[in-house]
Protein backbone atom coordinates (compact mmCIF):
# COMPACT_ATOMS: atom_id res chain seq x y z
CA UNK A 1 0.00 0.00 0.00
CA UNK A 2 1.29 3.43 -0.87
CA UNK A 3 0.05 6.92 -1.77
CA UNK A 4 0.80 8.05 -5.32
CA UNK A 5 -0.32 11.67 -5.17
CA UNK A 6 -2.21 14.33 -3.25
CA UNK A 7 -4.15 17.38 -4.39
CA UNK A 8 -5.38 20.12 -2.05
CA UNK A 9 -7.62 23.07 -2.79
CA UNK A 10 -8.27 25.72 -0.11
CA UNK A 11 -7.10 23.33 2.61
CA UNK A 12 -5.60 25.12 5.64
CA UNK A 13 -2.91 27.46 4.21
CA UNK A 14 -2.86 25.75 0.78
CA UNK A 15 -4.70 27.48 -2.03
CA UNK A 16 -3.71 24.81 -4.57
CA UNK A 17 -1.32 21.91 -4.24
CA UNK A 18 -0.64 18.94 -6.51
CA UNK A 19 2.19 16.64 -5.49
CA UNK A 20 3.40 13.12 -6.34
CA UNK A 21 5.24 10.95 -3.84
CA UNK A 22 7.92 8.32 -3.71
CA UNK A 23 6.87 4.86 -2.56
CA UNK A 24 9.71 5.06 -0.03
CA UNK A 25 10.51 8.04 2.21
CA UNK A 26 9.18 11.56 1.60
CA UNK A 27 10.65 14.43 3.57
CA UNK A 28 9.01 17.84 4.05
CA UNK A 29 11.32 20.47 5.50
CA UNK A 30 11.14 24.20 6.13
CA UNK A 31 10.55 26.68 8.94
CA UNK A 32 7.76 26.28 11.47
CA UNK A 33 4.17 27.31 10.58
CA UNK A 34 4.71 26.98 6.80
CA UNK A 35 2.30 24.06 6.24
CA UNK A 36 4.35 20.88 6.61
CA UNK A 37 2.05 19.31 9.22
CA UNK A 38 -0.99 20.36 7.17
CA UNK A 39 0.11 17.97 4.40
CA UNK A 40 0.38 15.08 6.85
CA UNK A 41 -2.94 16.06 8.41
CA UNK A 42 -4.68 16.01 4.99
CA UNK A 43 -3.35 12.48 4.39
CA UNK A 44 -4.64 11.43 7.81
CA UNK A 45 -8.05 13.00 7.06
CA UNK A 46 -8.11 11.05 3.76
CA UNK A 47 -7.76 7.79 5.67
CA UNK A 48 -9.92 8.48 8.73
CA UNK A 49 -12.21 11.44 7.78
CA UNK A 50 -10.95 13.24 10.92
CA UNK A 51 -8.05 15.50 11.84
CA UNK A 52 -5.45 14.04 14.21
CA UNK A 53 -5.57 17.41 15.98
CA UNK A 54 -9.28 17.06 16.70
CA UNK A 55 -10.04 20.07 14.46
CA UNK A 56 -13.55 20.59 13.09
CA UNK A 57 -14.12 20.51 9.31
CA UNK A 58 -14.62 24.28 9.12
CA UNK A 59 -11.18 24.80 10.71
CA UNK A 60 -9.55 22.83 7.87
CA UNK A 61 -10.89 25.24 5.24
CA UNK A 62 -8.62 28.06 4.09
CA UNK A 63 -9.45 31.41 5.70
CA UNK A 64 -12.07 33.32 3.71
CA UNK A 65 -13.23 30.26 1.74
CA UNK A 66 -16.46 28.25 2.10
CA UNK A 67 -15.17 24.81 1.16
CA UNK A 68 -12.02 22.75 0.62
CA UNK A 69 -11.13 19.66 -1.42
CA UNK A 70 -8.70 16.80 -0.85
CA UNK A 71 -7.96 14.23 -3.55
CA UNK A 72 -5.64 11.32 -2.80
CA UNK A 73 -4.58 8.53 -5.18
CA UNK A 74 -3.76 5.32 -3.35
CA UNK A 75 -2.28 2.12 -4.73
CA UNK A 76 -3.48 -0.95 -2.90
CA UNK A 77 -2.36 -4.40 -4.06
CA UNK A 78 -1.41 -2.98 -7.48
CA UNK A 79 -4.80 -1.29 -8.01
CA UNK A 80 -5.18 2.51 -7.92
CA UNK A 81 -8.01 4.03 -5.88
CA UNK A 82 -9.12 7.64 -5.60
CA UNK A 83 -10.32 9.19 -2.35
CA UNK A 84 -12.11 12.55 -2.63
CA UNK A 85 -13.19 14.68 0.34
CA UNK A 86 -15.30 17.80 -0.03
CA UNK A 87 -15.19 19.83 3.21
CA UNK A 88 -17.88 22.44 3.74
CA UNK A 89 -18.21 25.16 6.37
CA UNK A 90 -21.93 24.80 6.98
CA UNK A 91 -22.72 21.24 5.84
CA UNK A 92 -21.40 17.76 6.50
CA UNK A 93 -18.45 16.66 4.40
CA UNK A 94 -18.86 14.69 1.20
CA UNK A 95 -16.64 11.65 0.64
CA UNK A 96 -16.26 9.52 -2.48
CA UNK A 97 -14.16 6.42 -3.17
CA UNK A 98 -13.35 5.88 -6.86
CA UNK A 99 -15.98 8.47 -7.76
CA UNK A 100 -18.76 6.75 -5.78
CA UNK A 101 -20.11 8.75 -2.79
CA UNK A 102 -20.20 6.92 0.53
CA UNK A 103 -23.05 7.41 2.98
CA UNK A 104 -21.10 7.30 6.23
CA UNK A 105 -17.66 8.70 7.03
CA UNK A 106 -16.93 5.47 8.90
CA UNK A 107 -17.04 3.56 5.57
CA UNK A 108 -13.71 5.20 4.73
CA UNK A 109 -11.84 3.51 7.58
CA UNK A 110 -9.67 0.60 6.52
CA UNK A 111 -9.28 1.90 2.96
CA UNK A 112 -5.95 3.50 3.86
CA UNK A 113 -4.18 2.22 6.99
CA UNK A 114 -2.31 5.10 8.58
CA UNK A 115 -0.06 5.29 11.60
CA UNK A 116 0.56 8.82 12.84
CA UNK A 117 3.50 9.52 15.15
CA UNK A 118 4.00 12.98 16.65
CA UNK A 119 5.86 14.35 19.71
CA UNK A 120 2.56 14.17 21.61
CA UNK A 121 2.58 10.38 21.12
CA UNK A 122 5.81 10.19 23.11
CA UNK A 123 3.72 11.31 26.09
CA UNK A 124 1.00 8.67 25.60
CA UNK A 125 2.39 6.64 28.52
CA UNK A 126 2.41 9.45 31.10
CA UNK A 127 -0.72 11.34 29.96
CA UNK A 128 -4.30 10.62 30.98
CA UNK A 129 -6.18 7.39 30.13
CA UNK A 130 -8.26 9.18 27.47
CA UNK A 131 -5.27 9.27 25.11
CA UNK A 132 -4.56 5.57 25.54
CA UNK A 133 -8.23 4.73 24.89
CA UNK A 134 -8.07 6.91 21.77
CA UNK A 135 -5.04 4.93 20.58
CA UNK A 136 -6.90 1.65 21.15
CA UNK A 137 -10.06 2.85 19.42
CA UNK A 138 -8.33 4.39 16.41
CA UNK A 139 -6.30 1.27 15.69
CA UNK A 140 -9.20 -1.12 16.19
CA UNK A 141 -11.52 1.04 14.05
CA UNK A 142 -9.04 0.86 11.15
CA UNK A 143 -8.70 -2.90 11.51
CA UNK A 144 -12.28 -3.98 12.33
CA UNK A 145 -15.45 -2.45 10.86
CA UNK A 146 -17.59 -4.22 13.49
CA UNK A 147 -15.59 -2.60 16.31
CA UNK A 148 -16.15 0.81 14.76
CA UNK A 149 -19.92 0.17 14.59
CA UNK A 150 -20.12 -1.10 18.18
CA UNK A 151 -18.03 1.82 19.48
CA UNK A 152 -20.29 4.36 17.72
CA UNK A 153 -23.40 2.65 19.10
CA UNK A 154 -21.91 2.45 22.60
CA UNK A 155 -21.01 6.15 22.65
CA UNK A 156 -24.47 7.09 21.37
CA UNK A 157 -26.16 4.91 24.01
CA UNK A 158 -23.87 6.28 26.74
CA UNK A 159 -24.86 9.87 25.84
CA UNK A 160 -28.55 8.98 25.88
CA UNK A 161 -28.26 7.15 29.20
CA UNK A 162 -26.45 10.12 30.78
CA UNK A 163 -29.16 12.49 29.48
CA UNK A 164 -31.79 10.23 31.00
CA UNK A 165 -29.96 10.14 34.36
CA UNK A 166 -30.11 13.95 34.38
CA UNK A 167 -33.83 13.95 33.45
CA UNK A 168 -34.71 11.46 36.22
CA UNK A 169 -33.62 14.04 38.79
CA UNK A 170 -36.72 16.03 37.72
CA UNK A 171 -38.97 13.17 36.55
CA UNK A 172 -38.52 10.16 38.83
CA UNK A 173 -41.07 8.05 36.94
CA UNK A 174 -38.57 7.81 34.02
CA UNK A 175 -36.31 5.52 36.08
CA UNK A 176 -37.93 2.38 34.63
CA UNK A 177 -36.74 3.34 31.12
CA UNK A 178 -33.11 2.94 32.24
CA UNK A 179 -33.41 -0.83 31.61
CA UNK A 180 -33.60 -0.26 27.84
CA UNK A 181 -30.39 1.80 27.76
CA UNK A 182 -28.64 -0.56 30.19
CA UNK A 183 -29.19 -3.59 27.95
CA UNK A 184 -27.92 -1.71 24.86
CA UNK A 185 -24.91 -0.37 26.77
CA UNK A 186 -24.01 -3.90 27.88
CA UNK A 187 -24.55 -5.36 24.39
CA UNK A 188 -22.12 -2.97 22.71
CA UNK A 189 -19.83 -2.47 25.70
CA UNK A 190 -19.18 -6.20 26.19
CA UNK A 191 -18.11 -6.50 22.55
CA UNK A 192 -15.73 -3.51 22.90
CA UNK A 193 -14.15 -5.01 26.04
CA UNK A 194 -13.57 -8.40 24.39
CA UNK A 195 -12.09 -6.91 21.22
CA UNK A 196 -9.79 -4.58 23.17
CA UNK A 197 -8.64 -7.52 25.29
CA UNK A 198 -7.82 -9.60 22.19
CA UNK A 199 -5.98 -6.62 20.62
CA UNK A 200 -3.77 -6.16 23.69
CA UNK A 201 -2.95 -9.88 23.69
CA UNK A 202 -1.82 -9.64 20.06
CA UNK A 203 0.12 -6.46 20.80
CA UNK A 204 1.99 -8.22 23.61
CA UNK A 205 3.15 -10.94 21.22
CA UNK A 206 4.95 -8.27 19.17
CA UNK A 207 5.98 -5.45 21.51
CA UNK A 208 8.18 -7.53 23.83
CA UNK A 209 10.81 -8.38 21.21
CA UNK A 210 10.82 -4.82 19.84
CA UNK A 211 11.36 -3.31 23.29
CA UNK A 212 14.13 -5.74 24.19
CA UNK A 213 16.05 -4.81 21.03
CA UNK A 214 15.44 -1.09 21.56
CA UNK A 215 16.82 -1.25 25.12
CA UNK A 216 19.71 -3.60 24.33
CA UNK A 217 18.06 -6.45 26.21
CA UNK A 218 17.92 -4.45 29.46
CA UNK A 219 14.14 -4.08 29.66
CA UNK A 220 11.14 -6.33 29.36
CA UNK A 221 7.75 -4.75 28.64
CA UNK A 222 4.26 -6.12 29.22
CA UNK A 223 1.09 -4.23 28.28
CA UNK A 224 -2.01 -4.95 30.34
CA UNK A 225 -5.60 -3.99 29.60
CA UNK A 226 -7.08 -2.29 32.65
CA UNK A 227 -10.77 -2.88 31.99
CA UNK A 228 -12.91 -1.45 34.74
CA UNK A 229 -15.50 -4.22 34.39
CA UNK A 230 -15.51 -7.67 32.77
CA UNK A 231 -17.79 -8.16 29.79
CA UNK A 232 -19.89 -10.82 31.55
CA UNK A 233 -20.25 -8.75 34.75
CA UNK A 234 -21.17 -5.45 33.07
CA UNK A 235 -24.94 -5.67 33.67
CA UNK A 236 -24.50 -6.62 37.35
CA UNK A 237 -22.11 -3.72 37.84
CA UNK A 238 -24.56 -1.26 36.23
CA UNK A 239 -27.31 -2.42 38.59
CA UNK A 240 -25.02 -2.17 41.63
CA UNK A 241 -23.99 1.36 40.68
CA UNK A 242 -27.44 2.60 39.70
CA UNK A 243 -28.02 4.67 42.86
CA UNK A 244 -24.59 6.29 42.49
CA UNK A 245 -25.18 6.96 38.76
CA UNK A 246 -28.50 8.61 39.61
CA UNK A 247 -26.85 10.73 42.28
CA UNK A 248 -24.03 11.91 40.00
CA UNK A 249 -26.20 11.88 36.81
CA UNK A 250 -23.40 10.07 35.01
CA UNK A 251 -22.53 6.49 34.01
CA UNK A 252 -19.60 5.52 36.20
CA UNK A 253 -18.74 2.10 34.83
CA UNK A 254 -17.97 0.70 31.40
CA UNK A 255 -15.26 0.62 28.70
CA UNK A 256 -15.32 4.44 28.48
CA UNK A 257 -13.33 4.29 31.75
CA UNK A 258 -10.75 1.71 30.68
CA UNK A 259 -6.98 2.19 30.51
CA UNK A 260 -3.78 0.42 29.41
CA UNK A 261 -0.87 -0.17 31.78
CA UNK A 262 2.77 -0.54 30.66
CA UNK A 263 4.92 -2.65 32.98
CA UNK A 264 8.69 -2.44 32.40
CA UNK A 265 10.80 -4.92 34.40
CA UNK A 266 7.81 -5.39 36.70
CA UNK A 267 7.16 -1.71 37.49
CA UNK A 268 4.42 0.61 36.23
CA UNK A 269 6.40 2.84 33.88
CA UNK A 270 3.74 5.56 33.91
CA UNK A 271 4.11 6.08 37.67
CA UNK A 272 7.68 5.00 38.39
CA UNK A 273 9.53 5.07 35.06
CA UNK A 274 11.96 7.75 33.93
CA UNK A 275 11.11 9.97 30.97
CA UNK A 276 13.55 7.93 28.89
CA UNK A 277 11.77 4.69 29.81
CA UNK A 278 8.40 6.24 29.02
CA UNK A 279 9.63 7.38 25.62
CA UNK A 280 11.11 3.96 24.84
CA UNK A 281 7.78 2.35 25.75
CA UNK A 282 5.91 4.81 23.48
CA UNK A 283 8.32 4.15 20.61
CA UNK A 284 7.98 0.38 21.06
CA UNK A 285 4.20 0.81 21.02
CA UNK A 286 4.28 2.63 17.67
CA UNK A 287 6.66 0.11 16.08
CA UNK A 288 4.51 -2.75 17.38
CA UNK A 289 1.46 -1.00 15.90
CA UNK A 290 3.16 -1.07 12.46
CA UNK A 291 3.91 -4.79 12.74
CA UNK A 292 0.41 -5.58 13.98
CA UNK A 293 -1.20 -3.76 11.04
CA UNK A 294 1.06 -5.69 8.65
CA UNK A 295 0.04 -8.96 10.29
CA UNK A 296 -3.71 -8.23 10.38
CA UNK A 297 -4.11 -6.66 6.92
CA UNK A 298 -1.39 -8.61 5.06
CA UNK A 299 -0.33 -5.18 3.77
CA UNK A 300 1.93 -2.33 4.86
CA UNK A 301 0.53 0.81 6.48
CA UNK A 302 1.55 4.36 5.59
CA UNK A 303 3.57 6.07 8.33
CA UNK A 304 3.35 9.80 9.14
CA UNK A 305 6.19 11.15 11.31
CA UNK A 306 5.44 14.72 12.33
CA UNK A 307 8.58 16.38 13.70
CA UNK A 308 9.16 13.40 15.97
CA UNK A 309 12.83 12.76 15.12
CA UNK A 310 13.96 15.97 16.81
CA UNK A 311 12.45 14.64 20.05
CA UNK A 312 14.40 11.36 20.05
CA UNK A 313 18.00 10.73 21.12
CA UNK A 314 20.35 9.20 18.55
CA UNK A 315 19.81 5.61 19.73
CA UNK A 316 16.01 5.74 19.63
CA UNK A 317 16.09 7.70 16.36
CA UNK A 318 18.33 5.07 14.75
CA UNK A 319 16.11 2.24 15.97
CA UNK A 320 12.98 3.93 14.62
CA UNK A 321 14.55 4.60 11.21
CA UNK A 322 15.79 1.02 10.95
CA UNK A 323 12.29 -0.25 11.71
CA UNK A 324 10.54 1.69 8.90
CA UNK A 325 12.78 0.97 5.92
CA UNK A 326 10.18 -1.09 4.06
CA UNK A 327 7.09 1.15 4.30
CA UNK A 328 6.08 4.44 2.72
CA UNK A 329 6.91 7.21 5.16
CA UNK A 330 6.10 10.93 5.28
CA UNK A 331 8.39 12.93 7.54
CA UNK A 332 8.38 16.58 8.59
CA UNK A 333 11.33 18.43 10.07
CA UNK A 334 12.60 22.00 10.26
CA UNK A 335 16.07 21.28 8.90
CA UNK A 336 17.97 18.65 6.97
CA UNK A 337 20.64 18.30 9.65
CA UNK A 338 18.47 15.68 11.39
CA UNK A 339 19.19 13.34 8.48
CA UNK A 340 22.93 13.75 8.31
CA UNK A 341 24.41 10.28 8.96
CA UNK A 342 20.91 8.88 9.48
CA UNK A 343 20.02 5.31 8.62
CA UNK A 344 17.16 6.36 6.35
CA UNK A 345 17.71 7.12 2.67
CA UNK A 346 15.41 9.97 1.67
CA UNK A 347 13.81 9.24 -1.70
CA UNK A 348 12.06 12.56 -2.22
CA UNK A 349 12.47 15.93 -0.52
CA UNK A 350 10.04 18.86 -0.51
CA UNK A 351 10.88 22.35 0.71
CA UNK A 352 7.70 23.90 2.11
CA UNK A 353 7.28 27.67 2.39
CA UNK A 354 4.09 29.62 3.10
CA UNK A 355 1.64 26.97 1.89
CA UNK A 356 3.61 26.03 -1.22
CA UNK A 357 6.14 23.40 -2.18
CA UNK A 358 8.83 25.65 -3.59
CA UNK A 359 11.43 22.99 -4.25
CA UNK A 360 11.16 19.28 -4.95
CA UNK A 361 14.11 16.91 -5.25
CA UNK A 362 14.35 13.23 -6.11
CA UNK A 363 17.16 12.00 -3.90
CA UNK A 364 17.45 8.40 -5.01
CA UNK A 365 17.03 6.72 -8.36
CA UNK A 366 15.54 3.60 -6.79
CA UNK A 367 12.08 3.20 -5.33
CA UNK A 368 11.13 0.67 -2.68
CA UNK A 369 8.68 -1.96 -3.91
CA UNK A 370 5.50 -2.17 -1.93
């Protein structure tokens, strides 16, 4: 799997952009705030329909314009596909695959498997549980359509149950209707818990070897799924907590409260690990994610590295670059000095200035087969 080309119209600070890529490594360099990350973001939007920054559609549209367009040509198993996104300020976005409109944004997921790695991801271990849940959900949504459906239904049911809990404070006779939402919450929630558990088991089969190599055999890592409630005990727990939920007008149990724990040499690295250990664990997680996508899809994902190399020491940087030699990679950086003596051969370089690619260079005559 690799991206052939990208076209942008009125996207962020790009009025018009048409660019073709190498199937190997593509480097975007230039000063800060010139539009390098915007290119990576538009690729991410093409694969997921959402911004990795959490931006709304209207924020992706160039200032003073009403709509924006993204067109991406993707080669998947030797067949070209076209993804078109039409972003509008006051209406929902339009998405088409190979010229055929799709009804739901979620239908786009899985078409283009993307792994995004930014400096913020290096903090995934020490930050709050919401970020680790987001990592779990994003990866599982790309790999399993049924997970995506169950997660959407769970979140919708959770919102409706919480609204009902608030209403019951003023209309006590509505309490009997909680049963309906409880059964739906358990139906979708139990599926989410089981699929997350299976994902973490598969992740553990891969991440251990990666982390040992990264740390020169000094550290052993184990990832554990901290589910707040077991799938088969979810209904009982909801009933036990009902009085508390009614008091706080909020659902206090379920997979929306889950977390992941990273144990390094038997200690919780989030609480007791050094910053270096936390970063190594985050890097191992990303590299394991790449290998897991390869295993599950029998294809290679596209990797987006947004200014992450400047945050890594030489050892971790070298290990990362060695681990991504065989997949299409998009990298942003402020200067080329980061790549002096690096392990990664840059196939194509783009100098980005003020929403334009002002210089494009083909660095290598070869292209990596995908």
